[in-house]
Amino acid sequence: MVNTVILVHETEAQCRERLLAMGFPYGTAVEIASYLAQSTDMMALMPQLRGVAMARGIGIIPVEVTDLAHMINALRPNLIWPLTDGYGYFRGSAAAALSVLADIPIFGSAPDLYCLAQDKFRSSATLAAAGYPVPPAGLLYGDEVLVPLPPTETGYFVKPNCLGAKIGITDASRAATPDEVRAVAVEIAETYRDRAIVQPYIPGRNIRVSYLRVHDDACADTMGIFAVDHGGDFQTAKDSMALYGQTRSPSLEAPAFIDLDATEPEVADRIRAIVWPAAQLLGLRDVFSFDLRLDGEGMPHILEFEVSPGIPCFDFGHFVEHRWQMPLTNALTSALGAAITRSSPYELDRLSQ
C-alpha cells in the first residue's frame, strides 16, 4: 500500500508574474519572489526525495498551489504538505485552508499559522502577550505612525512587516533616529507596499533554531541551535538572494553555523527553554524554525518564527545532517511517515503532540 502526500508549492516565476501584473517593477518583483526560493530548490531535490520516499511506501505528488483546489478531492492524499506560507504577496496559506476544508491532515503546523507567521507585528504581539522575550515594536506605513516607536538606547531596526527571507533589509535598516526610521519606512512602503515593523536594535549574535519531527519522540532536545556567522552584523536581502533559488550566486560562500550545544551548552539550554514552549503554545509541530538575537549578556530575544522554513536551503540541510546524522531526503521521509500515522486531520488542542 502506498500512502500519498501532496507537496504544495508556489513557484518564483508564478509569483513574479503576478507581482508584475500588479504593477511592481521587475527588480522588486524578482526580490519579493525570491522568498519562494525553497520551491525552486525543492524541485531540484524532488527526484531523489520521491525515490527515497517511494522505497518507504510514500508517494509524493508535487502540485502548484493554484491547482490544488480542483485536484485535492480527486487525489484524496493521506497528507498535504504546504511547502510555503503567506496570504499577501504569496499564497501558501491556501494549502493549509484547503486541507481543513477537505479534512486531510497537514504535514506542518496549525492551519492559522500559515497566515500569522507572515505578519511579524501580530506574531510578535502574540508571543509578547504570553510573556516571551520579544523586542517591543512600533508599526509604520510610510510616514504614518500606526503604533508608536518603542523606547531604545541603541537605535532601531526597521524591516518590512510581511516579507521574509531578508527582503527589504538593507544597510539602512539599522536606523539611529526617528527621522531615519521614517525614511526607511517610506522606502518600504513605496517599494514593497508594506508596513514597516520597528524594534530596538539589539547588539549581539544571530541565532537560528531549527526543528524536524523525524519520529514521534523528537522533542526539544532534537532542535538544532546555531549561531549564524555570515561575516556581518546582520544579513541583507542582497546576501540572502545570492544564496538560494533562481537568484543564487554560485561563488558566494554560505554562512558558518556554530552548534551552541557543543560550544555554549548553557546558552543553548536557555534558548531551548524559551523556544520549545513557545512553539507548543503557537501550534508549531512537524517542521519549523525560529530566528533570535542573542545579546551581549547571553539573553535571547525572539525576532520571528517560520512555519515553512527553507527546507532545501543550506542551513536546514546542515541542521538535519548534523543533528540526525542522515541525508535530508531520508529525514524528510521519516518525518512524513511519522505524520501519516497521526489519526486526526488537525488537532483542536493546539497540536500538542
Protein backbone atom coordinates (compact mmCIF):
# COMPACT_ATOMS: atom_id res chain seq x y z
CA MET A 1 0.00 0.00 0.00
CA VAL A 2 1.31 3.43 -0.97
CA ASN A 3 0.47 6.45 1.18
CA THR A 4 0.15 9.67 -0.80
CA VAL A 5 1.48 13.11 0.10
CA ILE A 6 0.66 16.21 -1.93
CA LEU A 7 3.53 18.68 -1.71
CA VAL A 8 2.00 22.09 -2.44
CA HIS A 9 4.40 24.68 -3.80
CA GLU A 10 4.33 28.14 -5.34
CA THR A 11 6.98 28.94 -7.92
CA GLU A 12 9.16 32.03 -8.07
CA ALA A 13 8.07 32.58 -11.68
CA GLN A 14 4.39 32.32 -10.83
CA CYS A 15 4.73 34.86 -8.03
CA ARG A 16 6.91 37.18 -10.10
CA GLU A 17 4.44 37.31 -12.98
CA ARG A 18 1.57 38.06 -10.62
CA LEU A 19 3.52 40.89 -8.99
CA LEU A 20 4.40 42.34 -12.38
CA ALA A 21 0.71 42.30 -13.28
CA MET A 22 0.07 44.27 -10.07
CA GLY A 23 2.46 46.97 -11.26
CA PHE A 24 5.59 46.15 -9.30
CA PRO A 25 8.87 46.96 -11.10
CA TYR A 26 10.72 43.93 -12.40
CA GLY A 27 13.58 44.12 -9.89
CA THR A 28 11.20 44.40 -6.96
CA ALA A 29 9.10 41.51 -8.25
CA VAL A 30 12.22 39.35 -8.52
CA GLU A 31 13.28 40.26 -4.99
CA ILE A 32 9.87 39.53 -3.45
CA ALA A 33 9.51 36.28 -5.38
CA SER A 34 12.89 35.14 -4.07
CA TYR A 35 11.06 34.30 -0.84
CA LEU A 36 9.91 31.21 -2.75
CA ALA A 37 13.47 30.08 -3.47
CA GLN A 38 12.84 26.92 -1.50
CA SER A 39 10.23 25.90 -4.08
CA THR A 40 12.88 26.23 -6.78
CA ASP A 41 15.45 24.30 -4.78
CA MET A 42 12.96 21.64 -3.64
CA MET A 43 12.03 20.82 -7.23
CA ALA A 44 15.71 20.10 -7.89
CA LEU A 45 15.71 17.76 -4.89
CA MET A 46 12.39 16.15 -5.81
CA PRO A 47 13.58 13.18 -7.94
CA GLN A 48 15.84 11.98 -5.13
CA LEU A 49 13.24 12.62 -2.42
CA ARG A 50 10.49 10.82 -4.34
CA GLY A 51 12.75 7.82 -4.85
CA VAL A 52 13.66 7.54 -1.18
CA ALA A 53 10.04 8.06 -0.11
CA MET A 54 8.63 5.51 -2.56
CA ALA A 55 11.01 2.90 -1.15
CA ARG A 56 9.25 3.52 2.17
CA GLY A 57 5.77 3.28 0.64
CA ILE A 58 5.17 7.03 0.39
CA GLY A 59 4.28 8.62 -2.94
CA ILE A 60 4.95 12.37 -3.16
CA ILE A 61 2.99 14.37 -5.74
CA PRO A 62 4.13 17.98 -6.32
CA VAL A 63 1.17 20.28 -7.04
CA GLU A 64 1.25 24.03 -7.65
CA VAL A 65 -0.89 25.94 -5.19
CA THR A 66 -3.17 27.24 -7.95
CA ASP A 67 -4.02 23.66 -8.98
CA LEU A 68 -4.75 22.27 -5.52
CA ALA A 69 -8.43 23.23 -5.25
CA HIS A 70 -9.53 21.12 -8.23
CA MET A 71 -7.14 18.22 -7.50
CA ILE A 72 -7.47 17.69 -3.78
CA ASN A 73 -10.69 15.66 -3.77
CA ALA A 74 -9.68 13.60 -6.79
CA LEU A 75 -6.36 12.62 -5.22
CA ARG A 76 -7.54 12.35 -1.57
CA PRO A 77 -3.99 12.14 -0.20
CA ASN A 78 -3.02 10.96 3.26
CA LEU A 79 -1.22 14.25 3.88
CA ILE A 80 -0.98 17.75 2.48
CA TRP A 81 2.44 19.35 2.83
CA PRO A 82 2.31 23.16 2.40
CA LEU A 83 5.88 23.97 1.43
CA THR A 84 5.37 27.72 1.80
CA ASP A 85 3.07 30.06 3.70
CA GLY A 86 1.58 33.51 3.26
CA TYR A 87 -1.59 35.34 2.31
CA GLY A 88 -0.17 38.60 0.94
CA TYR A 89 2.34 38.53 -1.95
CA PHE A 90 2.38 34.73 -1.52
CA ARG A 91 -0.42 32.16 -1.39
CA GLY A 92 0.91 29.19 0.54
CA SER A 93 -1.71 29.55 3.27
CA ALA A 94 -4.33 28.40 0.76
CA ALA A 95 -2.94 24.86 1.04
CA ALA A 96 -3.50 24.79 4.78
CA ALA A 97 -7.01 26.21 4.41
CA LEU A 98 -7.98 23.68 1.74
CA SER A 99 -6.66 20.82 3.86
CA VAL A 100 -9.04 21.87 6.63
CA LEU A 101 -11.93 22.11 4.18
CA ALA A 102 -11.18 18.62 2.85
CA ASP A 103 -10.45 17.09 6.30
CA ILE A 104 -6.99 15.99 5.21
CA PRO A 105 -4.10 16.13 7.70
CA ILE A 106 -1.27 18.62 7.28
CA PHE A 107 2.43 17.89 7.41
CA GLY A 108 3.26 21.04 9.27
CA SER A 109 1.60 23.17 11.89
CA ALA A 110 -1.72 24.65 12.94
CA PRO A 111 -3.51 25.95 9.82
CA ASP A 112 -3.91 29.51 11.13
CA LEU A 113 -0.15 29.89 11.47
CA TYR A 114 0.30 29.87 7.69
CA CYS A 115 -1.21 33.36 7.80
CA LEU A 116 0.00 34.56 11.20
CA ALA A 117 3.65 33.72 10.57
CA GLN A 118 3.82 36.20 7.69
CA ASP A 119 2.81 39.14 9.90
CA LYS A 120 5.78 39.93 12.13
CA PHE A 121 3.96 42.51 14.25
CA ARG A 122 0.99 40.28 15.06
CA SER A 123 3.05 37.16 15.63
CA SER A 124 5.44 39.09 17.90
CA ALA A 125 2.48 40.52 19.81
CA THR A 126 1.13 37.01 20.37
CA LEU A 127 4.39 35.84 21.91
CA ALA A 128 4.84 39.04 23.90
CA ALA A 129 1.35 38.68 25.38
CA ALA A 130 2.36 35.24 26.65
CA GLY A 131 5.44 36.67 28.34
CA TYR A 132 8.14 35.53 25.91
CA PRO A 133 11.20 37.76 25.33
CA VAL A 134 10.26 39.67 22.19
CA PRO A 135 11.56 43.16 21.38
CA PRO A 136 8.79 45.78 21.63
CA ALA A 137 7.64 47.01 18.24
CA GLY A 138 6.30 50.06 16.50
CA LEU A 139 4.50 49.95 13.16
CA LEU A 140 4.56 52.50 10.34
CA TYR A 141 3.06 52.73 6.89
CA GLY A 142 5.23 55.22 5.10
CA ASP A 143 5.47 58.21 7.43
CA GLU A 144 2.17 57.36 9.14
CA VAL A 145 2.73 56.03 12.65
CA LEU A 146 0.28 53.19 13.33
CA VAL A 147 1.94 52.08 16.57
CA PRO A 148 4.42 54.44 18.31
CA LEU A 149 8.12 53.69 18.19
CA PRO A 150 9.42 51.73 21.19
CA PRO A 151 11.91 53.28 23.62
CA THR A 152 15.53 52.49 22.81
CA GLU A 153 19.06 53.45 23.78
CA THR A 154 20.69 51.52 20.94
CA GLY A 155 18.84 52.81 17.88
CA TYR A 156 16.28 50.96 15.79
CA PHE A 157 15.99 48.12 13.32
CA VAL A 158 13.45 48.62 10.52
CA LYS A 159 12.20 45.97 8.10
CA PRO A 160 9.08 45.07 6.09
CA ASN A 161 6.36 43.61 8.28
CA CYS A 162 5.10 40.92 5.90
CA LEU A 163 8.15 39.95 3.85
CA GLY A 164 10.59 37.27 4.98
CA ALA A 165 13.90 35.95 3.64
CA LYS A 166 15.55 39.31 4.50
CA ILE A 167 13.58 41.01 1.70
CA GLY A 168 13.68 44.77 2.14
CA ILE A 169 16.56 44.65 4.62
CA THR A 170 19.48 46.88 3.65
CA ASP A 171 22.34 48.61 5.44
CA ALA A 172 19.88 51.43 6.16
CA SER A 173 17.67 49.08 8.19
CA ARG A 174 19.71 49.93 11.26
CA ALA A 175 18.46 53.45 11.98
CA ALA A 176 19.77 55.81 14.64
CA THR A 177 16.92 58.32 14.89
CA PRO A 178 13.15 58.52 14.37
CA ASP A 179 13.78 60.57 11.22
CA GLU A 180 15.94 57.77 9.80
CA VAL A 181 13.23 55.28 10.77
CA ARG A 182 10.62 57.26 8.84
CA ALA A 183 12.88 57.46 5.79
CA VAL A 184 13.30 53.67 5.74
CA ALA A 185 9.57 53.15 6.35
CA VAL A 186 8.72 55.42 3.42
CA GLU A 187 11.11 53.45 1.21
CA ILE A 188 9.50 50.17 2.30
CA ALA A 189 6.01 51.50 1.57
CA GLU A 190 6.96 52.88 -1.83
CA THR A 191 8.99 49.87 -2.92
CA TYR A 192 7.10 46.93 -1.41
CA ARG A 193 3.70 48.44 -0.45
CA ASP A 194 4.22 47.05 3.03
CA ARG A 195 4.17 48.35 6.55
CA ALA A 196 7.44 48.64 8.46
CA ILE A 197 7.97 46.98 11.82
CA VAL A 198 10.37 48.93 14.03
CA GLN A 199 12.15 47.37 17.01
CA PRO A 200 15.08 48.40 19.19
CA TYR A 201 18.37 47.37 17.66
CA ILE A 202 19.91 44.55 19.72
CA PRO A 203 23.71 44.31 19.56
CA GLY A 204 24.72 40.68 19.53
CA ARG A 205 24.63 37.47 17.51
CA ASN A 206 22.08 35.95 15.15
CA ILE A 207 20.65 32.59 16.24
CA ARG A 208 18.75 30.07 14.14
CA VAL A 209 16.74 27.29 15.81
CA SER A 210 15.52 24.51 13.51
CA TYR A 211 13.26 21.53 14.13
CA LEU A 212 12.10 18.49 12.16
CA ARG A 213 9.88 15.81 13.72
CA VAL A 214 11.78 12.86 12.27
CA HIS A 215 9.99 10.49 14.64
CA ASP A 216 7.33 10.66 17.34
CA ASP A 217 9.87 11.10 20.12
CA ALA A 218 11.55 14.14 18.56
CA CYS A 219 11.36 16.81 21.25
CA ALA A 220 13.11 19.94 22.50
CA ASP A 221 16.46 18.16 22.72
CA THR A 222 16.43 17.44 18.98
CA MET A 223 16.19 21.08 17.95
CA GLY A 224 19.28 22.48 16.26
CA ILE A 225 20.50 25.70 17.90
CA PHE A 226 23.12 27.52 15.87
CA ALA A 227 24.87 30.88 15.93
CA VAL A 228 24.95 32.20 12.36
CA ASP A 229 28.14 33.87 11.18
CA HIS A 230 27.77 35.46 7.75
CA GLY A 231 30.59 37.96 8.12
CA GLY A 232 28.47 40.94 9.16
CA ASP A 233 26.18 42.26 11.85
CA PHE A 234 23.01 41.26 10.01
CA GLN A 235 22.08 39.68 6.71
CA THR A 236 20.58 41.80 3.93
CA ALA A 237 18.27 40.93 1.06
CA LYS A 238 21.23 41.02 -1.32
CA ASP A 239 23.05 38.45 0.82
CA SER A 240 20.05 36.14 1.07
CA MET A 241 19.11 36.27 -2.61
CA ALA A 242 22.62 35.23 -3.59
CA LEU A 243 22.34 32.01 -1.56
CA TYR A 244 19.15 30.39 -2.87
CA GLY A 245 16.75 29.82 -5.73
CA GLN A 246 16.79 31.47 -9.14
CA THR A 247 18.93 34.37 -7.84
CA ARG A 248 21.64 32.10 -6.42
CA SER A 249 25.27 33.14 -6.93
CA PRO A 250 27.48 30.02 -7.12
CA SER A 251 30.53 31.99 -5.99
CA LEU A 252 29.04 33.09 -2.66
CA GLU A 253 30.01 31.04 0.38
CA ALA A 254 27.24 30.01 2.75
CA PRO A 255 27.31 31.39 6.31
CA ALA A 256 29.03 29.43 9.06
CA PHE A 257 26.75 27.71 11.59
CA ILE A 258 28.15 27.18 15.08
CA ASP A 259 26.45 24.49 17.16
CA LEU A 260 25.76 26.10 20.53
CA ASP A 261 25.02 22.73 22.15
CA ALA A 262 28.68 21.90 21.54
CA THR A 263 30.28 25.29 22.18
CA GLU A 264 27.98 27.04 24.67
CA PRO A 265 25.60 24.45 26.14
CA GLU A 266 24.28 26.75 28.87
CA VAL A 267 23.25 29.31 26.26
CA ALA A 268 21.70 26.58 24.12
CA ASP A 269 19.67 25.35 27.10
CA ARG A 270 18.50 28.90 27.79
CA ILE A 271 17.31 29.26 24.20
CA ARG A 272 15.69 25.82 24.21
CA ALA A 273 13.76 26.63 27.39
CA ILE A 274 12.22 29.61 25.59
CA VAL A 275 11.69 28.31 22.07
CA TRP A 276 10.15 24.89 22.74
CA PRO A 277 7.29 26.14 24.98
CA ALA A 278 6.69 29.00 22.54
CA ALA A 279 6.39 26.51 19.68
CA GLN A 280 3.90 24.42 21.64
CA LEU A 281 1.85 27.49 22.52
CA LEU A 282 1.66 28.62 18.90
CA GLY A 283 0.87 25.19 17.45
CA LEU A 284 4.13 24.63 15.57
CA ARG A 285 4.70 20.94 15.01
CA ASP A 286 6.38 18.92 12.26
CA VAL A 287 8.86 21.43 10.89
CA PHE A 288 9.64 24.98 11.94
CA SER A 289 12.38 27.46 12.77
CA PHE A 290 12.94 30.50 14.96
CA ASP A 291 15.24 33.47 14.43
CA LEU A 292 16.58 35.08 17.58
CA ARG A 293 19.11 37.68 18.61
CA LEU A 294 21.48 36.82 21.46
CA ASP A 295 22.52 39.99 23.28
CA GLY A 296 25.88 40.68 24.90
CA GLU A 297 24.73 39.25 28.22
CA GLY A 298 23.71 35.97 26.64
CA MET A 299 19.98 36.64 26.78
CA PRO A 300 17.91 35.51 23.77
CA HIS A 301 15.26 37.66 22.10
CA ILE A 302 12.77 36.11 19.65
CA LEU A 303 12.61 38.01 16.37
CA GLU A 304 10.32 35.75 14.34
CA PHE A 305 9.30 32.17 13.69
CA GLU A 306 8.86 30.34 10.40
CA VAL A 307 6.15 27.77 9.81
CA SER A 308 7.65 26.92 6.41
CA PRO A 309 11.43 27.17 6.77
CA GLY A 310 13.64 26.79 3.73
CA ILE A 311 13.96 23.01 3.92
CA PRO A 312 16.27 22.53 0.90
CA CYS A 313 18.38 25.56 1.86
CA PHE A 314 21.85 25.16 3.30
CA ASP A 315 21.06 25.98 6.92
CA PHE A 316 18.25 23.44 7.28
CA GLY A 317 20.17 20.72 5.48
CA HIS A 318 23.14 21.41 7.73
CA PHE A 319 20.92 21.08 10.80
CA VAL A 320 19.44 17.76 9.63
CA GLU A 321 22.76 16.17 8.76
CA HIS A 322 24.36 17.45 11.97
CA ARG A 323 21.54 16.57 14.38
CA TRP A 324 20.06 13.46 12.78
CA GLN A 325 23.15 12.03 11.05
CA MET A 326 21.25 11.23 7.87
CA PRO A 327 20.68 12.82 4.46
CA LEU A 328 17.89 15.38 4.17
CA THR A 329 15.80 13.13 1.92
CA ASN A 330 15.87 10.29 4.45
CA ALA A 331 14.98 12.59 7.32
CA LEU A 332 12.05 14.10 5.42
CA THR A 333 10.77 10.65 4.50
CA SER A 334 10.89 9.58 8.15
CA ALA A 335 9.08 12.76 9.19
CA LEU A 336 6.36 12.21 6.59
CA GLY A 337 5.94 8.64 7.78
CA ALA A 338 5.54 9.81 11.38
CA ALA A 339 2.95 12.38 10.32
CA ILE A 340 0.93 9.83 8.32
CA THR A 341 0.44 7.73 11.45
CA ARG A 342 -1.47 10.53 13.17
CA SER A 343 -5.21 9.94 13.14
CA SER A 344 -6.90 13.35 13.12
CA PRO A 345 -6.81 15.96 10.32
CA TYR A 346 -5.67 18.64 12.74
CA GLU A 347 -5.81 18.85 16.50
CA LEU A 348 -8.02 21.33 18.30
CA ASP A 349 -5.83 21.05 21.39
CA ARG A 350 -3.22 23.25 19.67
CA LEU A 351 -1.35 20.30 18.20
CA SER A 352 0.39 19.39 21.41
CA GLN A 353 1.85 16.10 20.17
